[in-house]
N, C-alpha and C. Protein backbone atom coordinates (compact mmCIF):
# COMPACT_ATOMS: atom_id res chain seq x y z
N MET A 1 25.49 8.68 -39.75
CA MET A 1 25.62 7.48 -38.73
C MET A 1 24.19 7.54 -37.97
N PRO A 2 23.55 6.54 -37.79
CA PRO A 2 22.12 6.63 -36.79
C PRO A 2 22.76 6.62 -35.38
N PHE A 3 21.65 7.46 -34.61
CA PHE A 3 22.03 7.56 -33.16
C PHE A 3 21.45 6.30 -32.41
N THR A 4 22.03 5.75 -31.47
CA THR A 4 21.80 4.75 -30.68
C THR A 4 20.48 5.03 -29.81
N PRO A 5 19.72 4.15 -29.23
CA PRO A 5 18.95 4.60 -28.27
C PRO A 5 19.28 5.32 -27.23
N ASP A 6 20.52 4.84 -26.59
CA ASP A 6 20.97 5.52 -25.36
C ASP A 6 21.64 7.16 -25.92
N GLU A 7 21.95 7.27 -27.03
CA GLU A 7 22.33 8.57 -27.56
C GLU A 7 20.99 9.35 -27.77
N ILE A 8 20.17 8.87 -28.14
CA ILE A 8 18.83 9.63 -28.31
C ILE A 8 18.32 10.06 -26.91
N HIS A 9 18.43 9.12 -25.90
CA HIS A 9 17.97 9.31 -24.61
C HIS A 9 18.84 10.51 -23.92
N VAL A 10 20.19 10.25 -23.92
CA VAL A 10 21.15 10.90 -23.09
C VAL A 10 21.69 12.49 -23.60
N LEU A 11 21.64 12.60 -24.96
CA LEU A 11 22.55 13.65 -25.61
C LEU A 11 21.56 14.74 -25.27
N PRO A 12 20.32 14.96 -25.57
CA PRO A 12 19.54 16.26 -25.46
C PRO A 12 19.93 16.61 -23.91
N ASP A 13 20.03 16.11 -22.94
CA ASP A 13 20.27 16.46 -21.62
C ASP A 13 21.72 16.92 -21.55
N ILE A 14 22.66 16.30 -22.16
CA ILE A 14 23.96 16.64 -21.97
C ILE A 14 24.14 17.88 -22.73
N PHE A 15 23.58 18.34 -23.80
CA PHE A 15 23.64 19.65 -24.43
C PHE A 15 22.87 20.70 -23.73
N SER A 16 21.78 20.32 -22.79
CA SER A 16 21.10 21.01 -21.93
C SER A 16 19.90 21.33 -22.67
N ALA A 17 18.64 21.46 -21.82
CA ALA A 17 17.49 21.42 -22.38
C ALA A 17 17.24 22.89 -23.11
N PRO A 18 17.68 24.00 -22.45
CA PRO A 18 17.46 25.20 -23.17
C PRO A 18 18.12 25.22 -24.61
N ARG A 19 19.19 24.63 -24.66
CA ARG A 19 20.15 24.71 -25.84
C ARG A 19 19.45 23.95 -27.03
N PHE A 20 19.27 22.57 -26.45
CA PHE A 20 18.44 21.60 -27.40
C PHE A 20 17.14 22.05 -27.84
N ALA A 21 16.35 22.85 -27.07
CA ALA A 21 15.03 23.40 -27.47
C ALA A 21 15.10 24.18 -28.66
N THR A 22 16.28 24.88 -29.04
CA THR A 22 16.05 25.41 -30.31
C THR A 22 15.99 24.60 -31.71
N TYR A 23 16.72 23.33 -31.45
CA TYR A 23 16.96 22.40 -32.45
C TYR A 23 15.47 21.75 -32.37
N LEU A 24 14.87 21.22 -31.15
CA LEU A 24 13.73 20.67 -31.28
C LEU A 24 12.50 21.54 -31.89
N GLY A 25 12.54 22.81 -31.64
CA GLY A 25 11.64 23.58 -32.19
C GLY A 25 11.66 23.74 -33.61
N GLU A 26 13.17 23.55 -34.34
CA GLU A 26 13.12 23.60 -35.56
C GLU A 26 12.61 22.46 -36.07
N LYS A 27 12.64 21.45 -35.72
CA LYS A 27 12.21 20.14 -36.15
C LYS A 27 10.94 19.45 -35.49
N ASN A 28 10.34 20.35 -35.02
CA ASN A 28 8.93 20.25 -34.60
C ASN A 28 8.62 18.98 -33.51
N GLY A 29 9.60 19.07 -32.77
CA GLY A 29 9.81 18.40 -31.53
C GLY A 29 10.32 16.89 -31.70
N HIS A 30 10.69 16.64 -32.81
CA HIS A 30 11.11 15.24 -33.27
C HIS A 30 12.61 15.32 -32.82
N ARG A 31 12.89 14.44 -31.57
CA ARG A 31 14.05 14.34 -31.17
C ARG A 31 15.35 13.73 -32.18
N VAL A 32 15.11 12.95 -32.83
CA VAL A 32 16.23 12.34 -33.68
C VAL A 32 16.48 13.41 -34.86
N ASP A 33 15.56 14.05 -35.46
CA ASP A 33 15.63 15.20 -36.47
C ASP A 33 16.53 16.12 -35.78
N ALA A 34 16.12 16.48 -34.44
CA ALA A 34 16.63 17.64 -33.71
C ALA A 34 18.22 17.30 -33.53
N LEU A 35 18.42 16.13 -33.35
CA LEU A 35 19.82 15.55 -33.19
C LEU A 35 20.63 15.49 -34.28
N ASP A 36 19.87 15.20 -35.29
CA ASP A 36 20.74 15.35 -36.70
C ASP A 36 21.21 16.76 -36.97
N LEU A 37 20.22 17.88 -36.85
CA LEU A 37 20.36 19.10 -36.97
C LEU A 37 21.53 19.53 -36.14
N TYR A 38 21.65 19.28 -34.82
CA TYR A 38 22.53 19.44 -33.98
C TYR A 38 24.03 19.16 -34.61
N LYS A 39 24.04 17.85 -34.87
CA LYS A 39 25.25 17.19 -35.35
C LYS A 39 25.74 18.16 -36.65
N TRP A 40 24.94 18.31 -37.61
CA TRP A 40 25.14 19.17 -38.79
C TRP A 40 25.66 20.42 -38.36
N ASN A 41 25.19 21.14 -37.44
CA ASN A 41 25.56 22.40 -36.81
C ASN A 41 26.79 22.25 -36.27
N LEU A 42 27.20 21.23 -35.73
CA LEU A 42 28.61 20.96 -35.25
C LEU A 42 29.66 21.01 -36.49
N ASP A 43 29.09 20.17 -37.36
CA ASP A 43 30.12 20.01 -38.66
C ASP A 43 30.38 21.05 -39.40
N VAL A 44 29.32 21.89 -39.59
CA VAL A 44 29.51 23.31 -40.40
C VAL A 44 30.16 24.20 -39.53
N SER A 45 30.11 24.32 -38.24
CA SER A 45 30.85 25.20 -37.24
C SER A 45 32.27 24.70 -37.33
N CYS A 46 32.67 23.60 -37.36
CA CYS A 46 34.12 23.00 -37.51
C CYS A 46 34.66 23.48 -38.79
N ALA A 47 33.78 23.41 -39.93
CA ALA A 47 34.34 23.52 -41.20
C ALA A 47 34.62 24.83 -41.43
N PHE A 48 34.01 25.86 -40.61
CA PHE A 48 34.33 27.14 -40.87
C PHE A 48 35.77 27.71 -40.09
N PHE A 49 36.31 26.76 -39.39
CA PHE A 49 37.51 27.21 -38.69
C PHE A 49 38.75 27.74 -39.58
N ALA A 50 38.78 26.77 -40.76
CA ALA A 50 39.90 27.26 -41.58
C ALA A 50 39.77 28.43 -42.36
N PRO A 51 38.42 28.58 -42.75
CA PRO A 51 38.24 29.95 -43.53
C PRO A 51 38.43 31.14 -42.71
N LEU A 52 37.77 31.04 -41.29
CA LEU A 52 38.04 32.29 -40.56
C LEU A 52 39.44 32.44 -40.06
N GLN A 53 40.19 31.47 -39.92
CA GLN A 53 41.67 31.60 -39.61
C GLN A 53 42.21 32.37 -40.85
N VAL A 54 42.08 31.73 -41.96
CA VAL A 54 42.98 32.58 -43.12
C VAL A 54 42.44 33.87 -43.16
N CYS A 55 41.16 34.13 -43.17
CA CYS A 55 40.63 35.41 -43.26
C CYS A 55 41.16 36.66 -41.94
N GLU A 56 41.25 35.94 -40.93
CA GLU A 56 41.64 36.68 -39.74
C GLU A 56 43.11 37.28 -39.88
N VAL A 57 43.95 36.17 -40.40
CA VAL A 57 45.35 36.22 -40.52
C VAL A 57 45.64 37.16 -41.53
N SER A 58 44.86 37.06 -42.94
CA SER A 58 45.16 37.83 -43.96
C SER A 58 44.89 39.34 -43.64
N ILE A 59 43.64 39.61 -43.10
CA ILE A 59 43.15 40.91 -42.69
C ILE A 59 44.09 41.84 -41.71
N ARG A 60 44.60 41.00 -40.77
CA ARG A 60 45.15 41.60 -39.63
C ARG A 60 46.50 41.87 -40.10
N ASN A 61 46.93 41.19 -41.18
CA ASN A 61 48.34 41.46 -41.51
C ASN A 61 48.54 42.45 -42.55
N ALA A 62 47.30 42.57 -43.26
CA ALA A 62 47.07 43.84 -44.18
C ALA A 62 47.00 45.20 -43.46
N ILE A 63 46.25 45.07 -42.31
CA ILE A 63 46.06 46.38 -41.45
C ILE A 63 47.25 46.74 -40.78
N SER A 64 48.21 45.47 -40.21
CA SER A 64 49.19 46.04 -39.67
C SER A 64 50.39 46.51 -40.62
N GLU A 65 50.29 46.08 -41.79
CA GLU A 65 51.27 46.73 -42.73
C GLU A 65 50.87 48.15 -43.05
N ALA A 66 49.48 48.42 -43.07
CA ALA A 66 49.11 49.75 -43.42
C ALA A 66 49.40 50.70 -42.03
N ILE A 67 49.32 50.04 -40.99
CA ILE A 67 49.88 50.95 -39.32
C ILE A 67 51.38 51.02 -39.77
N ALA A 68 52.16 50.23 -40.08
CA ALA A 68 53.45 50.24 -40.15
C ALA A 68 54.03 51.34 -41.12
N LEU A 69 53.26 51.29 -42.17
CA LEU A 69 53.42 52.23 -43.37
C LEU A 69 53.39 53.65 -42.67
N THR A 70 52.50 53.92 -41.79
CA THR A 70 52.09 55.27 -41.24
C THR A 70 52.96 55.42 -39.88
N TYR A 71 52.89 54.48 -39.02
CA TYR A 71 53.63 54.93 -37.65
C TYR A 71 55.15 54.12 -37.52
N GLY A 72 55.40 53.36 -38.47
CA GLY A 72 56.65 52.59 -38.33
C GLY A 72 56.59 51.19 -37.91
N ALA A 73 57.68 50.46 -38.27
CA ALA A 73 57.70 48.93 -38.01
C ALA A 73 57.10 48.54 -36.43
N ASN A 74 57.69 49.32 -35.53
CA ASN A 74 57.37 49.03 -33.99
C ASN A 74 56.00 49.81 -33.57
N TRP A 75 55.10 49.98 -34.45
CA TRP A 75 53.76 50.69 -34.09
C TRP A 75 53.38 50.29 -32.74
N PRO A 76 53.23 49.11 -32.40
CA PRO A 76 52.53 48.87 -31.12
C PRO A 76 53.21 49.58 -29.98
N TYR A 77 54.41 49.95 -29.94
CA TYR A 77 55.09 50.47 -28.89
C TYR A 77 55.09 52.34 -29.22
N GLU A 78 54.76 52.48 -30.35
CA GLU A 78 54.62 53.94 -30.64
C GLU A 78 53.49 54.81 -29.91
N GLN A 79 53.72 55.88 -29.23
CA GLN A 79 52.73 56.74 -28.43
C GLN A 79 51.72 57.26 -29.43
N SER A 80 52.35 57.69 -30.68
CA SER A 80 51.60 58.42 -31.47
C SER A 80 50.50 57.61 -32.03
N PHE A 81 50.81 56.20 -32.00
CA PHE A 81 49.62 55.31 -32.67
C PHE A 81 48.72 55.08 -31.40
N GLU A 82 49.31 54.92 -30.17
CA GLU A 82 48.27 54.69 -29.01
C GLU A 82 47.41 55.86 -28.97
N ILE A 83 47.85 57.05 -29.20
CA ILE A 83 47.00 58.22 -28.66
C ILE A 83 45.88 58.15 -29.80
N ALA A 84 46.37 57.67 -31.29
CA ALA A 84 45.28 57.54 -32.46
C ALA A 84 44.08 56.84 -32.07
N LEU A 85 43.96 55.84 -31.20
CA LEU A 85 42.95 54.78 -30.73
C LEU A 85 42.05 55.56 -29.68
N PRO A 86 40.87 54.84 -30.05
CA PRO A 86 39.76 55.27 -29.14
C PRO A 86 40.12 54.62 -27.74
N ASN A 87 39.35 55.36 -26.60
CA ASN A 87 39.53 54.45 -25.38
C ASN A 87 38.36 54.76 -24.49
N PRO A 88 37.38 54.38 -25.09
CA PRO A 88 35.93 54.45 -24.18
C PRO A 88 36.09 53.74 -23.03
N ARG A 89 35.41 54.02 -22.00
CA ARG A 89 35.48 53.63 -20.61
C ARG A 89 34.54 52.42 -20.57
N ARG A 90 33.46 52.44 -21.09
CA ARG A 90 32.23 51.55 -20.70
C ARG A 90 32.05 50.54 -22.06
N SER A 91 32.96 50.65 -22.83
CA SER A 91 32.80 49.55 -23.92
C SER A 91 34.19 49.04 -24.37
N TYR A 92 34.20 48.44 -25.56
CA TYR A 92 35.55 47.90 -25.94
C TYR A 92 36.39 49.04 -26.13
N SER A 93 37.69 48.95 -25.52
CA SER A 93 38.58 49.83 -25.93
C SER A 93 39.89 49.28 -26.83
N PRO A 94 40.00 49.95 -27.92
CA PRO A 94 41.36 49.30 -28.62
C PRO A 94 42.46 49.90 -28.17
N ARG A 95 42.53 51.07 -27.57
CA ARG A 95 43.85 51.39 -26.85
C ARG A 95 44.10 50.59 -25.68
N ALA A 96 43.09 50.18 -24.69
CA ALA A 96 43.34 49.46 -23.54
C ALA A 96 43.65 47.97 -24.17
N ASN A 97 43.24 47.65 -25.16
CA ASN A 97 43.44 46.21 -25.53
C ASN A 97 45.05 46.21 -25.93
N LEU A 98 45.59 47.26 -26.71
CA LEU A 98 46.96 47.37 -27.09
C LEU A 98 47.83 47.53 -26.13
N LEU A 99 47.43 48.28 -25.06
CA LEU A 99 48.15 48.62 -23.92
C LEU A 99 48.32 47.17 -22.92
N GLN A 100 47.23 46.37 -23.06
CA GLN A 100 47.23 45.29 -22.43
C GLN A 100 48.41 44.27 -22.79
N HIS A 101 48.88 44.28 -23.99
CA HIS A 101 49.98 43.34 -24.32
C HIS A 101 51.24 44.20 -24.56
N ARG A 102 51.48 45.19 -24.14
CA ARG A 102 52.80 45.97 -24.45
C ARG A 102 53.93 45.40 -23.71
N ASN A 103 53.53 44.37 -22.77
CA ASN A 103 54.69 43.50 -22.22
C ASN A 103 55.12 42.57 -23.14
N GLN A 104 54.65 42.19 -24.28
CA GLN A 104 55.40 41.22 -25.28
C GLN A 104 56.54 41.89 -25.86
N PRO A 105 57.35 40.94 -26.12
CA PRO A 105 58.78 41.33 -26.43
C PRO A 105 58.87 41.90 -28.01
N THR A 106 57.85 41.58 -28.83
CA THR A 106 57.76 41.92 -30.09
C THR A 106 56.58 42.37 -30.74
N ALA A 107 56.87 43.16 -31.68
CA ALA A 107 55.50 43.84 -32.33
C ALA A 107 54.60 42.56 -32.91
N GLY A 108 55.30 41.44 -33.43
CA GLY A 108 54.60 40.15 -33.84
C GLY A 108 53.83 39.47 -33.06
N LYS A 109 54.57 39.51 -31.72
CA LYS A 109 53.96 38.87 -30.50
C LYS A 109 52.38 39.69 -30.05
N ILE A 110 52.51 41.09 -30.39
CA ILE A 110 51.45 41.92 -29.75
C ILE A 110 50.47 41.57 -30.91
N ILE A 111 50.54 41.77 -32.13
CA ILE A 111 49.61 41.37 -33.38
C ILE A 111 49.06 40.23 -33.21
N ALA A 112 49.64 39.26 -32.86
CA ALA A 112 49.01 37.90 -32.43
C ALA A 112 47.83 38.01 -31.36
N GLU A 113 48.15 38.72 -30.37
CA GLU A 113 47.42 38.77 -29.09
C GLU A 113 46.12 39.71 -29.32
N LEU A 114 46.18 40.64 -30.15
CA LEU A 114 44.99 41.78 -30.24
C LEU A 114 43.84 40.87 -30.74
N LYS A 115 42.61 41.29 -30.13
CA LYS A 115 41.27 40.75 -30.62
C LYS A 115 40.96 40.94 -31.94
N PHE A 116 40.17 40.14 -32.30
CA PHE A 116 39.41 40.37 -33.88
C PHE A 116 38.80 41.79 -33.94
N VAL A 117 38.22 41.94 -32.91
CA VAL A 117 37.51 43.49 -32.92
C VAL A 117 38.38 44.62 -32.78
N PHE A 118 39.66 44.36 -32.56
CA PHE A 118 40.47 45.53 -32.73
C PHE A 118 40.88 46.03 -34.11
N TRP A 119 41.20 44.85 -34.76
CA TRP A 119 41.20 44.89 -36.34
C TRP A 119 39.96 45.49 -37.07
N GLU A 120 38.90 45.10 -36.66
CA GLU A 120 37.68 45.66 -37.32
C GLU A 120 37.37 47.13 -37.07
N ARG A 121 37.86 47.35 -35.65
CA ARG A 121 37.73 48.81 -35.42
C ARG A 121 38.64 49.84 -35.98
N MET A 122 39.88 49.20 -36.60
CA MET A 122 40.67 50.15 -37.48
C MET A 122 40.18 50.49 -38.71
N PHE A 123 39.14 49.92 -39.06
CA PHE A 123 38.31 50.40 -40.21
C PHE A 123 37.36 51.53 -39.87
N THR A 124 37.53 52.63 -39.32
CA THR A 124 36.63 53.46 -38.80
C THR A 124 37.20 54.93 -39.26
N SER A 125 36.42 55.84 -39.63
CA SER A 125 36.77 57.13 -40.35
C SER A 125 37.97 57.74 -39.69
N ARG A 126 38.13 57.74 -38.35
CA ARG A 126 39.20 58.28 -37.77
C ARG A 126 40.26 58.07 -38.01
N HIS A 127 40.66 57.06 -38.93
CA HIS A 127 42.16 56.69 -39.33
C HIS A 127 42.09 57.10 -40.96
N ASP A 128 41.05 57.60 -41.46
CA ASP A 128 41.09 57.89 -42.86
C ASP A 128 42.14 58.94 -43.13
N SER A 129 42.26 59.77 -42.68
CA SER A 129 43.26 61.08 -42.92
C SER A 129 44.72 60.55 -42.66
N THR A 130 44.97 59.84 -41.82
CA THR A 130 46.37 59.55 -41.19
C THR A 130 46.79 58.33 -41.98
N MET A 131 45.96 57.31 -42.26
CA MET A 131 46.19 55.99 -42.89
C MET A 131 45.63 55.40 -44.08
N TRP A 132 44.40 55.59 -44.07
CA TRP A 132 43.56 54.70 -45.19
C TRP A 132 43.60 55.46 -46.51
N ASN A 133 43.36 56.78 -46.52
CA ASN A 133 43.56 57.62 -47.73
C ASN A 133 44.83 57.15 -48.65
N ARG A 134 45.70 56.77 -47.62
CA ARG A 134 47.12 56.66 -48.29
C ARG A 134 47.36 55.08 -48.77
N HIS A 135 47.04 54.35 -47.82
CA HIS A 135 47.52 53.17 -47.84
C HIS A 135 46.33 51.90 -48.10
N LEU A 136 45.12 52.19 -48.07
CA LEU A 136 44.08 51.15 -47.99
C LEU A 136 44.33 50.14 -49.44
N ARG A 137 44.30 51.15 -50.60
CA ARG A 137 44.85 50.31 -51.96
C ARG A 137 46.02 49.66 -51.86
N THR A 138 46.95 49.91 -50.94
CA THR A 138 48.23 49.35 -51.24
C THR A 138 48.09 47.77 -50.46
N VAL A 139 47.51 47.98 -49.38
CA VAL A 139 47.61 46.51 -48.69
C VAL A 139 46.24 45.82 -48.89
N LEU A 140 45.20 46.23 -49.47
CA LEU A 140 44.01 45.54 -49.76
C LEU A 140 43.90 46.01 -51.46
N PRO A 141 44.85 45.44 -52.39
CA PRO A 141 44.66 45.85 -53.63
C PRO A 141 43.67 45.55 -54.56
N ASN A 142 42.78 44.43 -54.06
CA ASN A 142 41.71 44.01 -54.93
C ASN A 142 40.44 44.42 -54.65
N MET A 143 40.11 45.58 -53.77
CA MET A 143 39.07 45.96 -53.72
C MET A 143 38.39 46.62 -54.82
N GLU A 144 37.39 47.32 -54.82
CA GLU A 144 36.42 47.65 -56.06
C GLU A 144 37.16 48.85 -56.60
N ALA A 145 37.56 48.92 -57.54
CA ALA A 145 38.33 50.05 -58.17
C ALA A 145 37.41 51.20 -58.44
N GLY A 146 36.33 51.20 -58.48
CA GLY A 146 35.23 52.34 -58.68
C GLY A 146 34.58 53.14 -57.74
N GLN A 147 34.97 52.56 -56.44
CA GLN A 147 34.59 52.99 -55.32
C GLN A 147 35.68 54.09 -54.49
N THR A 148 35.12 54.97 -53.66
CA THR A 148 36.28 55.93 -52.98
C THR A 148 36.71 55.00 -51.80
N VAL A 149 37.81 55.70 -51.19
CA VAL A 149 38.50 54.86 -50.24
C VAL A 149 37.63 54.94 -48.83
N GLN A 150 36.85 55.95 -48.66
CA GLN A 150 35.74 56.08 -47.56
C GLN A 150 34.85 54.79 -47.71
N GLU A 151 34.22 54.73 -49.08
CA GLU A 151 33.20 53.60 -49.27
C GLU A 151 34.01 52.13 -49.25
N LEU A 152 35.09 52.23 -49.53
CA LEU A 152 35.76 50.92 -49.33
C LEU A 152 35.98 50.37 -47.94
N ARG A 153 36.48 51.52 -47.05
CA ARG A 153 36.88 51.26 -45.72
C ARG A 153 35.73 51.01 -44.80
N SER A 154 34.48 51.64 -45.26
CA SER A 154 33.13 51.41 -44.78
C SER A 154 32.78 49.88 -44.94
N GLU A 155 33.09 49.54 -46.22
CA GLU A 155 32.64 48.29 -46.45
C GLU A 155 33.56 47.15 -45.88
N ALA A 156 34.74 47.37 -45.64
CA ALA A 156 35.59 46.48 -44.91
C ALA A 156 35.04 46.52 -43.27
N TYR A 157 34.62 47.69 -42.98
CA TYR A 157 34.24 47.47 -41.37
C TYR A 157 32.82 46.66 -41.40
N THR A 158 32.17 46.86 -42.32
CA THR A 158 30.66 45.99 -42.25
C THR A 158 31.02 44.84 -42.39
N THR A 159 31.80 44.32 -43.27
CA THR A 159 32.12 43.09 -43.72
C THR A 159 32.98 42.07 -42.39
N LEU A 160 33.77 42.82 -41.95
CA LEU A 160 34.52 42.39 -40.69
C LEU A 160 33.69 42.21 -39.86
N ARG A 161 32.86 43.20 -39.41
CA ARG A 161 31.77 42.99 -38.18
C ARG A 161 30.98 41.87 -38.50
N ALA A 162 30.34 41.59 -39.64
CA ALA A 162 29.47 40.52 -39.80
C ALA A 162 30.54 39.10 -39.55
N ILE A 163 31.52 38.93 -40.09
CA ILE A 163 32.41 37.96 -39.95
C ILE A 163 32.64 37.65 -38.64
N ARG A 164 32.96 38.62 -37.74
CA ARG A 164 33.08 38.61 -36.40
C ARG A 164 32.02 38.00 -35.51
N ASP A 165 30.86 38.48 -36.03
CA ASP A 165 29.34 37.85 -35.46
C ASP A 165 29.40 36.40 -35.53
N LEU A 166 29.68 35.94 -36.89
CA LEU A 166 29.60 34.67 -37.23
C LEU A 166 30.70 33.84 -36.32
N ARG A 167 32.04 34.31 -36.30
CA ARG A 167 32.94 33.79 -35.65
C ARG A 167 32.73 33.50 -33.97
N ASN A 168 31.99 34.72 -33.38
CA ASN A 168 31.72 34.61 -31.98
C ASN A 168 30.58 33.78 -31.77
N ARG A 169 29.62 33.39 -32.70
CA ARG A 169 28.51 32.61 -32.59
C ARG A 169 29.07 31.12 -32.58
N ILE A 170 30.07 30.82 -33.38
CA ILE A 170 30.69 29.53 -33.43
C ILE A 170 31.54 29.29 -32.12
N ALA A 171 32.29 30.38 -31.66
CA ALA A 171 33.23 30.20 -30.54
C ALA A 171 32.39 29.93 -29.28
N HIS A 172 31.03 30.44 -29.09
CA HIS A 172 30.18 30.39 -28.11
C HIS A 172 29.15 29.21 -28.30
N HIS A 173 29.46 28.33 -29.27
CA HIS A 173 28.85 26.91 -29.70
C HIS A 173 27.24 27.38 -29.68
N GLU A 174 27.00 28.39 -30.51
CA GLU A 174 25.55 28.90 -30.63
C GLU A 174 25.05 28.43 -32.32
N PRO A 175 23.95 27.81 -32.15
CA PRO A 175 23.33 27.67 -33.40
C PRO A 175 23.75 28.78 -34.72
N ILE A 176 23.87 28.08 -35.77
CA ILE A 176 24.34 28.86 -37.21
C ILE A 176 23.40 28.33 -38.17
N PHE A 177 22.51 27.34 -37.85
CA PHE A 177 21.88 26.55 -38.89
C PHE A 177 20.73 27.54 -39.75
N ARG A 178 20.48 28.57 -39.19
CA ARG A 178 19.43 29.35 -39.73
C ARG A 178 20.16 30.45 -40.63
N ARG A 179 21.38 30.57 -40.73
CA ARG A 179 22.06 31.58 -41.50
C ARG A 179 22.23 30.92 -42.78
N ASP A 180 22.31 31.61 -43.77
CA ASP A 180 22.77 31.24 -45.10
C ASP A 180 24.28 30.95 -45.20
N ILE A 181 24.52 29.67 -45.07
CA ILE A 181 25.96 29.18 -44.94
C ILE A 181 26.82 29.76 -46.20
N GLN A 182 26.17 29.57 -47.39
CA GLN A 182 26.81 29.89 -48.79
C GLN A 182 27.26 31.63 -48.54
N VAL A 183 26.31 32.42 -48.05
CA VAL A 183 26.50 33.77 -47.96
C VAL A 183 27.58 34.10 -46.96
N GLU A 184 27.70 33.29 -45.90
CA GLU A 184 28.69 33.36 -44.79
C GLU A 184 30.13 33.14 -45.37
N TYR A 185 30.27 32.20 -46.10
CA TYR A 185 31.55 31.60 -46.77
C TYR A 185 31.93 32.70 -47.80
N ASP A 186 30.90 33.10 -48.66
CA ASP A 186 31.33 34.02 -49.66
C ASP A 186 32.08 35.29 -49.06
N ARG A 187 31.21 35.65 -47.98
CA ARG A 187 31.81 36.96 -47.31
C ARG A 187 33.46 36.70 -46.72
N ILE A 188 33.47 35.63 -46.03
CA ILE A 188 34.90 35.51 -45.90
C ILE A 188 35.95 35.40 -46.91
N ARG A 189 35.41 34.55 -48.09
CA ARG A 189 36.29 34.54 -49.04
C ARG A 189 36.54 35.98 -49.84
N LYS A 190 35.59 36.86 -49.79
CA LYS A 190 35.68 38.15 -50.60
C LYS A 190 36.70 39.15 -49.61
N ALA A 191 36.76 38.90 -48.23
CA ALA A 191 37.80 39.61 -47.45
C ALA A 191 39.14 38.95 -47.80
N VAL A 192 39.19 37.80 -47.87
CA VAL A 192 40.54 37.21 -48.24
C VAL A 192 41.06 37.62 -49.53
N GLY A 193 40.01 37.63 -50.49
CA GLY A 193 40.41 38.23 -51.85
C GLY A 193 40.83 39.46 -52.01
N TRP A 194 40.23 40.51 -51.11
CA TRP A 194 40.80 41.81 -51.07
C TRP A 194 42.31 41.83 -50.73
N ARG A 195 42.74 41.00 -50.05
CA ARG A 195 44.33 41.00 -49.97
C ARG A 195 45.13 40.18 -51.03
N SER A 196 44.54 39.08 -51.35
CA SER A 196 45.23 38.38 -52.46
C SER A 196 44.11 37.37 -53.20
N THR A 197 44.21 37.42 -54.41
CA THR A 197 43.09 36.53 -55.25
C THR A 197 43.95 35.01 -55.19
N VAL A 198 44.94 35.02 -55.05
CA VAL A 198 45.63 33.76 -54.99
C VAL A 198 45.21 32.81 -53.78
N ALA A 199 45.41 33.68 -52.58
CA ALA A 199 45.06 33.18 -51.26
C ALA A 199 43.57 32.86 -51.19
N ALA A 200 42.57 33.57 -51.90
CA ALA A 200 41.12 33.18 -51.99
C ALA A 200 41.00 32.05 -52.81
N ASP A 201 41.49 31.70 -53.92
CA ASP A 201 41.41 30.74 -54.83
C ASP A 201 41.93 29.52 -54.08
N TRP A 202 42.99 29.62 -53.37
CA TRP A 202 43.66 28.36 -52.52
C TRP A 202 42.28 28.11 -51.41
N LEU A 203 42.09 29.26 -50.70
CA LEU A 203 40.77 28.65 -49.82
C LEU A 203 39.70 28.01 -50.41
N ASP A 204 39.52 28.23 -51.40
CA ASP A 204 38.35 27.42 -52.10
C ASP A 204 38.63 25.94 -52.38
N LYS A 205 39.97 25.72 -52.35
CA LYS A 205 40.38 24.48 -52.72
C LYS A 205 40.39 23.63 -51.14
N VAL A 206 40.68 24.18 -50.21
CA VAL A 206 40.94 23.61 -48.93
C VAL A 206 39.76 23.63 -48.09
N GLU A 207 38.62 24.54 -48.34
CA GLU A 207 37.59 24.59 -47.27
C GLU A 207 36.68 23.49 -47.36
N THR A 208 35.87 23.31 -46.64
CA THR A 208 34.79 22.19 -46.49
C THR A 208 33.55 22.71 -45.94
N VAL A 209 33.29 23.96 -46.06
CA VAL A 209 32.01 24.61 -45.75
C VAL A 209 30.91 24.43 -46.71
N THR A 210 31.23 24.56 -47.66
CA THR A 210 30.25 24.51 -49.05
C THR A 210 29.94 23.27 -49.25
N SER A 211 30.58 22.37 -49.07
CA SER A 211 30.34 20.76 -49.11
C SER A 211 29.14 20.48 -48.08
N GLN A 212 29.12 20.97 -47.09
CA GLN A 212 28.33 20.86 -45.85
C GLN A 212 26.78 21.20 -46.25
N VAL A 213 26.71 22.42 -47.31
CA VAL A 213 25.60 22.95 -47.36
C VAL A 213 24.43 21.94 -47.90
N ALA A 214 24.74 21.13 -48.76
CA ALA A 214 23.76 20.17 -49.35
C ALA A 214 23.56 18.93 -48.26
N ASN A 215 24.24 18.92 -47.18
CA ASN A 215 23.94 17.78 -46.02
C ASN A 215 23.12 18.32 -45.10
N LYS A 216 22.47 19.48 -44.99
CA LYS A 216 21.78 20.03 -43.98
C LYS A 216 20.64 19.24 -44.06
N PRO A 217 20.30 18.68 -42.66
CA PRO A 217 19.16 17.86 -42.49
C PRO A 217 17.82 18.63 -42.63
């Protein structure tokens, strides 16, 4: 849909000059083309919401299952699990994040409140001997068969870190138009597929990200 003269005049100021400058720079200062790109960035960012949600829920449930197999069904309240978590003072602390939500009445409520980065940080080597060596292939059965548990766990960490970076950029309304959108979607789909090929195939049916790729102005 074409922009009206008023929209062409007003919208760049509404979006803020510094933010819109990124789009203007990409389109050599052409305001209408920059607005088209801004709109496309909105559309593809919205389209990522469903794949990101499916991925986060799938992976956190897989990790939660592995923790429960190791520490018991009420693991969020278990001191043995608490002390297994790192607690740095000057950066993100998984232990502090867990304790922040200990007032929740059920383990499920706590799981829903923990940050995405909490689940990412579970894929570190500190949990290999207690949890991943025994349970990684149980909760993520479709990971590459020819790799070691340590290789797979490391891949899971780097994959989730990249997905979280995309998620955060979208959540903070930042441009993602310079990214390879197909690669970003394929990464999310791969993570979902580690847990369930059925879920990954279903995601292909409902997602609208890939249809946006051809629409990029």
